[in-house]
Amino acid sequence: MKRGGILRLAYKLLVNDSGKFSALLVGLTFAVFLMVQMTSIFAGILSRASATVSNIGAEVWIMDPAVNTVANTIPLPDYLLGAVRSLPGVRYAVPLYAGGALVKLGDGAYQAVSVIGLDDTSLFGRPQLEQGSIADLYADDAFVVVRDAEFGKLGHPVVGSEFQINDRRAVVAGIARVAAGGLFGVPTLYTTYSRARQYIPSSRSTISYILVAPQSPAALAAIQQQVRQLGYLALSKRQFIQRISDFYKYQTGVGTNILLMTVISFIVGLSISGQTFYSFILENLEKFGALKAIGAKGHELVGMILFQAVFTALTGYGLGLGLCTLLIAAAKWRLPDYAAQLTFGNLALAFGMVLVIAAISSYIGIRKVLRIEPFDIFRG
């Protein structure tokens, strides 16, 4: 028999049993939806957890070895900045302050914020301003507010708006935007390093991180080794982001819970599709036996079942992915701080799991069809 005719026949057998076909699609769509949704939420969490690293954009970050996330800083001694600047291969090094504070708004309400203090001389890592001038950050009491999902918690301030930080006057000198919003649901303020030290009570050491620009990419390894000899840790931007991701994956319950939900989604899809596809094969066993009796080869029957399984799996994958995309878009429209995001890794993982479901389901059907003898069908 011609391959095109075999595949058309397989398609008609599949869709003519609308009940079984619909059940297969619903099971696979639901499984794909859950798998993509769970992994997208996790990807969004990881992206936002390292938002400060991405937004600042420094090539090398120097920190205490105990630091696992950018939010949990351990102060560095002031002498370390001078020591790093003197290392061979370092083009320049600047301090960065990262901490939290409590803002008192004009209506008397209090709001927790994240404060980033940039090097006074270079303002390295400054965000892109939508309103105001970055030079205004040198004015008295000046802060830049980031317009992100948490912007409204500060009462939608404008340039010139005033609030208080630890009973000290603060003025909005600019409104900025950044590439990625934070994870913990608090607004972000930028100011100079010296002003952050003045406004926010801290320990004797106030440097959260030292940001380094190496003279060349080849100098990174030497810088890391020399910083390690000083008792501290130097990580590239990519390494720091990976360190943060590993912390949330392996040292918190977030990664475990997401993994369990993804595995459960896979098992649900596999059980529904496997059982339904097996039932479909049983109900059409006579038709497969008749095809075998009129000369259909074993590999042609196998091709029919593989086509049916793959066609159903890909259709369910597309429907599940579309449903998940619509839900994420709707959620972000209504909830701007919703963290989920689709990545190629999420899509590839879900696609691979769908193919596994299709392979196992088709294997169950293939074993049953290849064992059938035409004589048994006609005798029945």
Protein backbone atom coordinates (compact mmCIF):
# COMPACT_ATOMS: atom_id res chain seq x y z
CA MET A 1 0.00 0.00 0.00
CA LYS A 2 1.12 3.58 -0.70
CA ARG A 3 2.44 5.52 2.26
CA GLY A 4 0.09 8.47 1.63
CA GLY A 5 -2.93 6.20 1.59
CA ILE A 6 -1.85 4.48 4.81
CA LEU A 7 -1.45 7.82 6.60
CA ARG A 8 -4.81 9.11 5.34
CA LEU A 9 -6.45 5.94 6.56
CA ALA A 10 -4.73 6.30 9.95
CA TYR A 11 -5.96 9.89 10.19
CA LYS A 12 -9.55 8.93 9.38
CA LEU A 13 -9.51 6.09 11.90
CA LEU A 14 -8.26 8.53 14.52
CA VAL A 15 -10.63 11.45 14.02
CA ASN A 16 -13.73 9.39 13.21
CA ASP A 17 -13.76 8.17 16.80
CA SER A 18 -14.40 11.71 18.05
CA GLY A 19 -14.85 10.67 21.68
CA LYS A 20 -11.48 8.96 22.00
CA PHE A 21 -9.74 11.63 19.93
CA SER A 22 -11.18 14.40 22.10
CA ALA A 23 -10.16 12.56 25.28
CA LEU A 24 -6.61 12.19 23.97
CA LEU A 25 -6.40 15.87 23.10
CA VAL A 26 -7.84 17.00 26.43
CA GLY A 27 -5.39 14.84 28.40
CA LEU A 28 -2.34 15.95 26.43
CA THR A 29 -3.41 19.60 26.36
CA PHE A 30 -3.91 19.61 30.13
CA ALA A 31 -0.55 17.91 30.71
CA VAL A 32 1.34 20.31 28.42
CA PHE A 33 -0.43 23.28 29.98
CA LEU A 34 0.64 22.26 33.48
CA MET A 35 4.22 21.41 32.46
CA VAL A 36 4.77 24.68 30.61
CA GLN A 37 2.99 26.72 33.28
CA MET A 38 5.02 25.28 36.14
CA THR A 39 8.39 25.61 34.39
CA SER A 40 7.49 29.12 33.18
CA ILE A 41 6.75 30.24 36.72
CA PHE A 42 10.10 28.84 37.84
CA ALA A 43 11.91 30.54 34.95
CA GLY A 44 10.26 33.84 35.88
CA ILE A 45 11.29 33.45 39.52
CA LEU A 46 14.91 32.76 38.55
CA SER A 47 14.96 35.71 36.16
CA ARG A 48 13.63 38.12 38.77
CA ALA A 49 15.87 36.73 41.49
CA SER A 50 18.90 37.85 39.48
CA ALA A 51 17.32 41.07 38.17
CA THR A 52 19.81 43.34 39.98
CA VAL A 53 22.75 41.50 38.39
CA SER A 54 21.20 41.81 34.93
CA ASN A 55 20.22 45.46 35.38
CA ILE A 56 23.59 46.62 36.75
CA GLY A 57 25.45 44.75 34.02
CA ALA A 58 28.89 44.53 35.64
CA GLU A 59 31.27 41.97 34.12
CA VAL A 60 32.70 40.78 37.47
CA TRP A 61 31.13 40.82 40.94
CA ILE A 62 33.25 40.48 44.09
CA MET A 63 31.46 39.32 47.22
CA ASP A 64 31.76 37.37 50.43
CA PRO A 65 31.95 33.60 49.69
CA ALA A 66 28.81 33.00 51.77
CA VAL A 67 26.60 35.10 49.48
CA ASN A 68 24.09 32.99 47.52
CA THR A 69 21.65 35.59 46.24
CA VAL A 70 22.04 39.23 45.32
CA ALA A 71 19.50 40.24 47.98
CA ASN A 72 21.36 38.64 50.91
CA THR A 73 24.47 40.77 51.01
CA ILE A 74 27.37 40.49 53.45
CA PRO A 75 29.31 43.77 53.83
CA LEU A 76 32.85 43.90 52.50
CA PRO A 77 35.66 45.81 54.27
CA ASP A 78 36.62 49.13 52.74
CA TYR A 79 40.28 48.10 52.28
CA LEU A 80 39.22 45.39 49.83
CA LEU A 81 38.23 48.01 47.26
CA GLY A 82 41.76 49.43 47.18
CA ALA A 83 43.26 45.93 47.08
CA VAL A 84 41.09 44.96 44.09
CA ARG A 85 41.94 48.16 42.23
CA SER A 86 45.62 47.34 42.55
CA LEU A 87 45.30 43.83 41.09
CA PRO A 88 46.86 43.18 37.67
CA GLY A 89 44.26 42.90 34.93
CA VAL A 90 41.70 45.19 36.61
CA ARG A 91 40.73 48.17 34.47
CA TYR A 92 38.59 49.73 37.17
CA ALA A 93 36.64 48.68 40.27
CA VAL A 94 33.76 50.53 41.97
CA PRO A 95 31.68 49.91 45.10
CA LEU A 96 27.99 49.08 45.07
CA TYR A 97 25.52 49.37 47.92
CA ALA A 98 22.45 47.11 47.91
CA GLY A 99 20.08 47.13 50.84
CA GLY A 100 16.58 47.69 52.10
CA ALA A 101 14.90 50.69 53.68
CA LEU A 102 11.50 51.90 54.84
CA VAL A 103 9.98 54.88 53.02
CA LYS A 104 7.38 57.17 54.55
CA LEU A 105 5.08 58.48 51.82
CA GLY A 106 3.28 61.81 51.73
CA ASP A 107 0.04 60.31 53.07
CA GLY A 108 1.83 58.88 56.10
CA ALA A 109 1.92 55.29 54.83
CA TYR A 110 5.13 53.26 54.98
CA GLN A 111 6.55 51.17 52.16
CA ALA A 112 9.57 48.88 52.08
CA VAL A 113 11.97 49.58 49.21
CA SER A 114 15.21 48.25 47.79
CA VAL A 115 17.98 50.86 47.56
CA ILE A 116 20.89 50.63 45.11
CA GLY A 117 23.81 52.96 45.79
CA LEU A 118 25.98 53.64 42.74
CA ASP A 119 29.60 54.76 42.72
CA ASP A 120 29.61 58.55 43.19
CA THR A 121 32.20 59.23 40.52
CA SER A 122 31.08 57.02 37.64
CA LEU A 123 27.46 56.11 38.54
CA PHE A 124 28.34 52.75 36.99
CA GLY A 125 25.24 50.55 36.60
CA ARG A 126 22.82 53.46 36.37
CA PRO A 127 19.41 52.70 34.83
CA GLN A 128 18.03 54.29 31.70
CA LEU A 129 15.95 57.34 32.60
CA GLU A 130 12.50 58.04 31.21
CA GLN A 131 12.19 61.37 33.02
CA GLY A 132 14.81 63.65 34.50
CA SER A 133 18.58 63.75 34.04
CA ILE A 134 21.12 61.40 35.59
CA ALA A 135 23.17 64.46 36.59
CA ASP A 136 20.32 65.42 38.93
CA LEU A 137 21.27 62.42 41.07
CA TYR A 138 24.10 64.60 42.46
CA ALA A 139 21.58 67.10 43.84
CA ASP A 140 20.77 67.12 47.54
CA ASP A 141 18.54 64.26 48.73
CA ALA A 142 18.12 62.94 45.16
CA PHE A 143 16.83 59.46 44.31
CA VAL A 144 15.77 57.81 41.06
CA VAL A 145 12.65 55.63 41.16
CA VAL A 146 12.29 52.61 38.88
CA ARG A 147 9.03 52.38 36.97
CA ASP A 148 8.19 48.68 37.18
CA ALA A 149 5.33 46.54 38.48
CA GLU A 150 5.89 47.90 42.02
CA PHE A 151 5.99 51.57 41.00
CA GLY A 152 2.42 52.19 42.14
CA LYS A 153 3.27 51.21 45.72
CA LEU A 154 5.08 54.56 46.01
CA GLY A 155 1.96 56.43 44.94
CA HIS A 156 3.03 56.91 41.29
CA PRO A 157 5.57 59.66 42.09
CA VAL A 158 6.73 62.24 39.55
CA VAL A 159 9.96 64.19 39.31
CA GLY A 160 10.02 66.50 42.31
CA SER A 161 7.89 64.29 44.56
CA GLU A 162 9.12 64.03 48.15
CA PHE A 163 9.13 61.27 50.76
CA GLN A 164 11.17 60.32 53.80
CA ILE A 165 13.75 57.63 54.47
CA ASN A 166 14.64 57.25 58.14
CA ASP A 167 13.24 60.73 58.87
CA ARG A 168 15.39 62.29 56.16
CA ARG A 169 14.01 64.14 53.15
CA ALA A 170 14.28 62.40 49.80
CA VAL A 171 13.39 63.89 46.42
CA VAL A 172 12.57 62.05 43.21
CA ALA A 173 15.15 63.28 40.69
CA GLY A 174 14.17 60.91 37.87
CA ILE A 175 12.00 58.02 36.74
CA ALA A 176 13.88 55.06 35.24
CA ARG A 177 13.17 51.76 33.58
CA VAL A 178 15.15 48.54 33.87
CA ALA A 179 15.32 45.30 31.91
CA ALA A 180 13.91 43.08 34.66
CA GLY A 181 11.76 43.70 37.71
CA GLY A 182 12.60 42.42 41.17
CA LEU A 183 11.30 39.24 42.77
CA PHE A 184 10.26 40.35 46.23
CA GLY A 185 7.49 42.82 45.42
CA VAL A 186 9.17 46.04 46.59
CA PRO A 187 9.94 49.21 44.61
CA THR A 188 13.55 50.00 43.71
CA LEU A 189 15.38 53.30 44.28
CA TYR A 190 18.77 54.34 42.90
CA THR A 191 21.02 56.93 44.51
CA THR A 192 24.72 57.57 45.03
CA TYR A 193 26.82 55.26 47.19
CA SER A 194 27.63 57.98 49.73
CA ARG A 195 23.98 59.02 50.09
CA ALA A 196 22.89 55.41 50.60
CA ARG A 197 25.42 55.15 53.44
CA GLN A 198 24.10 58.35 55.01
CA TYR A 199 20.41 57.47 54.78
CA ILE A 200 20.44 53.80 55.74
CA PRO A 201 21.85 52.58 59.06
CA SER A 202 24.41 49.85 58.54
CA SER A 203 27.44 48.20 60.06
CA ARG A 204 30.97 49.61 59.93
CA SER A 205 31.50 48.06 56.49
CA THR A 206 29.01 49.26 53.89
CA ILE A 207 30.23 47.89 50.55
CA SER A 208 27.79 45.22 49.38
CA TYR A 209 29.65 44.30 46.19
CA ILE A 210 32.69 45.46 44.27
CA LEU A 211 32.05 45.72 40.55
CA VAL A 212 35.09 45.09 38.36
CA ALA A 213 35.80 45.62 34.70
CA PRO A 214 38.74 43.42 33.61
CA GLN A 215 41.19 44.70 31.06
CA SER A 216 40.38 41.68 28.88
CA PRO A 217 38.29 38.50 29.12
CA ALA A 218 41.50 36.52 29.55
CA ALA A 219 42.25 38.42 32.76
CA LEU A 220 39.14 37.05 34.51
CA ALA A 221 40.74 33.81 35.71
CA ALA A 222 43.74 35.63 37.20
CA ILE A 223 41.47 38.15 38.95
CA GLN A 224 39.36 35.36 40.42
CA GLN A 225 42.43 33.55 41.72
CA GLN A 226 43.91 36.68 43.32
CA VAL A 227 40.58 37.62 44.93
CA ARG A 228 40.30 34.07 46.26
CA GLN A 229 43.71 34.50 47.90
CA LEU A 230 42.33 37.59 49.64
CA GLY A 231 39.54 35.42 51.09
CA TYR A 232 36.70 36.58 48.85
CA LEU A 233 34.84 35.44 45.75
CA ALA A 234 34.91 36.95 42.26
CA LEU A 235 32.25 35.79 39.81
CA SER A 236 31.46 36.79 36.28
CA LYS A 237 27.95 38.04 35.56
CA ARG A 238 26.95 34.67 34.13
CA GLN A 239 28.47 32.76 37.05
CA PHE A 240 26.69 34.94 39.60
CA ILE A 241 23.33 34.46 37.85
CA GLN A 242 23.97 30.71 37.78
CA ARG A 243 24.88 30.77 41.49
CA ILE A 244 21.58 32.48 42.28
CA SER A 245 19.66 29.99 40.12
CA ASP A 246 21.37 27.03 41.82
CA PHE A 247 20.45 28.43 45.22
CA TYR A 248 16.75 28.58 44.35
CA LYS A 249 16.85 25.21 42.60
CA TYR A 250 18.68 23.16 45.19
CA GLN A 251 18.67 25.02 48.51
CA THR A 252 15.06 26.16 48.71
CA GLY A 253 11.76 24.34 48.32
CA VAL A 254 10.90 26.24 45.15
CA GLY A 255 12.84 23.99 42.77
CA THR A 256 11.62 20.78 44.43
CA ASN A 257 7.98 21.84 44.36
CA ILE A 258 8.13 22.91 40.72
CA LEU A 259 9.86 19.65 39.78
CA LEU A 260 7.21 17.59 41.57
CA MET A 261 4.37 19.46 39.85
CA THR A 262 6.05 18.99 36.46
CA VAL A 263 6.50 15.25 37.05
CA ILE A 264 2.90 14.93 38.22
CA SER A 265 1.74 16.74 35.07
CA PHE A 266 3.79 14.33 32.96
CA ILE A 267 2.31 11.30 34.75
CA VAL A 268 -1.23 12.67 34.31
CA GLY A 269 -0.72 13.18 30.60
CA LEU A 270 0.94 9.79 30.19
CA SER A 271 -1.78 7.90 32.06
CA ILE A 272 -4.67 9.61 30.26
CA SER A 273 -3.17 9.35 26.79
CA GLY A 274 -1.81 5.82 27.30
CA GLN A 275 -5.10 4.45 28.58
CA THR A 276 -7.19 6.27 25.98
CA PHE A 277 -4.91 5.29 23.10
CA TYR A 278 -4.88 1.67 24.21
CA SER A 279 -8.68 1.72 24.34
CA PHE A 280 -8.72 3.23 20.85
CA ILE A 281 -6.50 0.41 19.55
CA LEU A 282 -8.72 -2.25 21.12
CA GLU A 283 -11.85 -0.80 19.54
CA ASN A 284 -10.17 -0.67 16.12
CA LEU A 285 -8.41 -4.00 16.38
CA GLU A 286 -10.65 -5.58 13.78
CA LYS A 287 -9.82 -2.84 11.29
CA PHE A 288 -6.09 -3.34 11.80
CA GLY A 289 -6.59 -7.11 11.44
CA ALA A 290 -8.49 -6.59 8.19
CA LEU A 291 -5.70 -4.39 6.85
CA LYS A 292 -3.21 -7.10 7.73
CA ALA A 293 -5.36 -9.68 5.97
CA ILE A 294 -5.45 -7.72 2.70
CA GLY A 295 -1.68 -7.37 2.62
CA ALA A 296 -0.65 -4.53 4.89
CA LYS A 297 2.85 -5.11 6.22
CA GLY A 298 3.78 -4.90 9.87
CA HIS A 299 5.88 -1.78 9.38
CA GLU A 300 2.93 -0.09 7.68
CA LEU A 301 0.69 -0.77 10.66
CA VAL A 302 3.45 0.49 12.94
CA GLY A 303 3.66 3.64 10.81
CA MET A 304 -0.10 4.17 11.17
CA ILE A 305 0.05 3.95 14.96
CA LEU A 306 3.12 6.17 15.19
CA PHE A 307 1.43 8.74 12.96
CA GLN A 308 -1.70 8.70 15.13
CA ALA A 309 0.29 9.05 18.35
CA VAL A 310 2.59 11.80 17.05
CA PHE A 311 -0.26 13.72 15.39
CA THR A 312 -2.27 13.69 18.61
CA ALA A 313 0.76 14.59 20.73
CA LEU A 314 1.77 17.55 18.55
CA THR A 315 -1.82 18.81 18.38
CA GLY A 316 -2.12 18.58 22.16
CA TYR A 317 1.26 20.30 22.52
CA GLY A 318 0.14 23.20 20.37
CA LEU A 319 -3.18 23.57 22.18
CA GLY A 320 -1.55 23.36 25.61
CA LEU A 321 1.14 25.86 24.68
CA GLY A 322 -1.43 28.26 23.25
CA LEU A 323 -3.60 27.99 26.35
CA CYS A 324 -0.60 28.61 28.63
CA THR A 325 0.51 31.61 26.56
CA LEU A 326 -2.96 33.15 26.75
CA LEU A 327 -3.12 32.62 30.50
CA ILE A 328 0.31 34.17 31.11
CA ALA A 329 -0.53 37.15 28.89
CA ALA A 330 -3.87 37.67 30.67
CA ALA A 331 -2.25 37.31 34.09
CA LYS A 332 0.47 39.85 33.28
CA TRP A 333 -2.15 42.23 31.94
CA ARG A 334 -4.11 42.08 35.18
CA LEU A 335 -1.16 41.43 37.53
CA PRO A 336 1.93 43.32 36.32
CA ASP A 337 4.20 41.63 38.88
CA TYR A 338 3.27 38.12 37.69
CA ALA A 339 6.63 36.39 37.26
CA ALA A 340 6.00 33.59 34.74
CA GLN A 341 7.82 33.75 31.42
CA LEU A 342 8.17 31.37 28.49
CA THR A 343 11.68 30.32 27.51
CA PHE A 344 13.08 28.04 24.82
CA GLY A 345 14.20 25.69 27.58
CA ASN A 346 10.65 25.37 28.92
CA LEU A 347 9.24 24.71 25.47
CA ALA A 348 11.94 22.15 24.66
CA LEU A 349 11.37 20.33 27.96
CA ALA A 350 7.62 20.13 27.41
CA PHE A 351 8.13 19.04 23.79
CA GLY A 352 10.50 16.27 24.86
CA MET A 353 8.07 15.03 27.51
CA VAL A 354 5.23 15.04 25.00
CA LEU A 355 7.31 12.94 22.61
CA VAL A 356 7.98 10.49 25.45
CA ILE A 357 4.24 10.28 26.10
CA ALA A 358 3.63 9.65 22.39
CA ALA A 359 6.36 6.99 22.27
CA ILE A 360 5.04 5.06 25.28
CA SER A 361 1.44 5.31 24.09
CA SER A 362 2.31 4.11 20.59
CA TYR A 363 4.44 1.27 21.98
CA ILE A 364 1.44 -0.04 23.88
CA GLY A 365 -0.67 0.01 20.71
CA ILE A 366 2.07 -1.44 18.47
CA ARG A 367 2.53 -4.49 20.67
CA LYS A 368 -1.19 -5.25 20.52
CA VAL A 369 -1.54 -4.75 16.77
CA LEU A 370 1.54 -6.79 15.79
CA ARG A 371 0.30 -9.76 17.80
CA ILE A 372 -3.07 -9.92 16.07
CA GLU A 373 -3.66 -12.58 13.43
CA PRO A 374 -6.17 -12.03 10.60
CA PHE A 375 -7.54 -15.56 11.17
CA ASP A 376 -8.61 -14.59 14.70
CA ILE A 377 -10.48 -11.56 13.41
CA PHE A 378 -12.44 -13.39 10.71
CA ARG A 379 -13.08 -16.36 12.99
CA GLY A 380 -14.65 -13.98 15.50
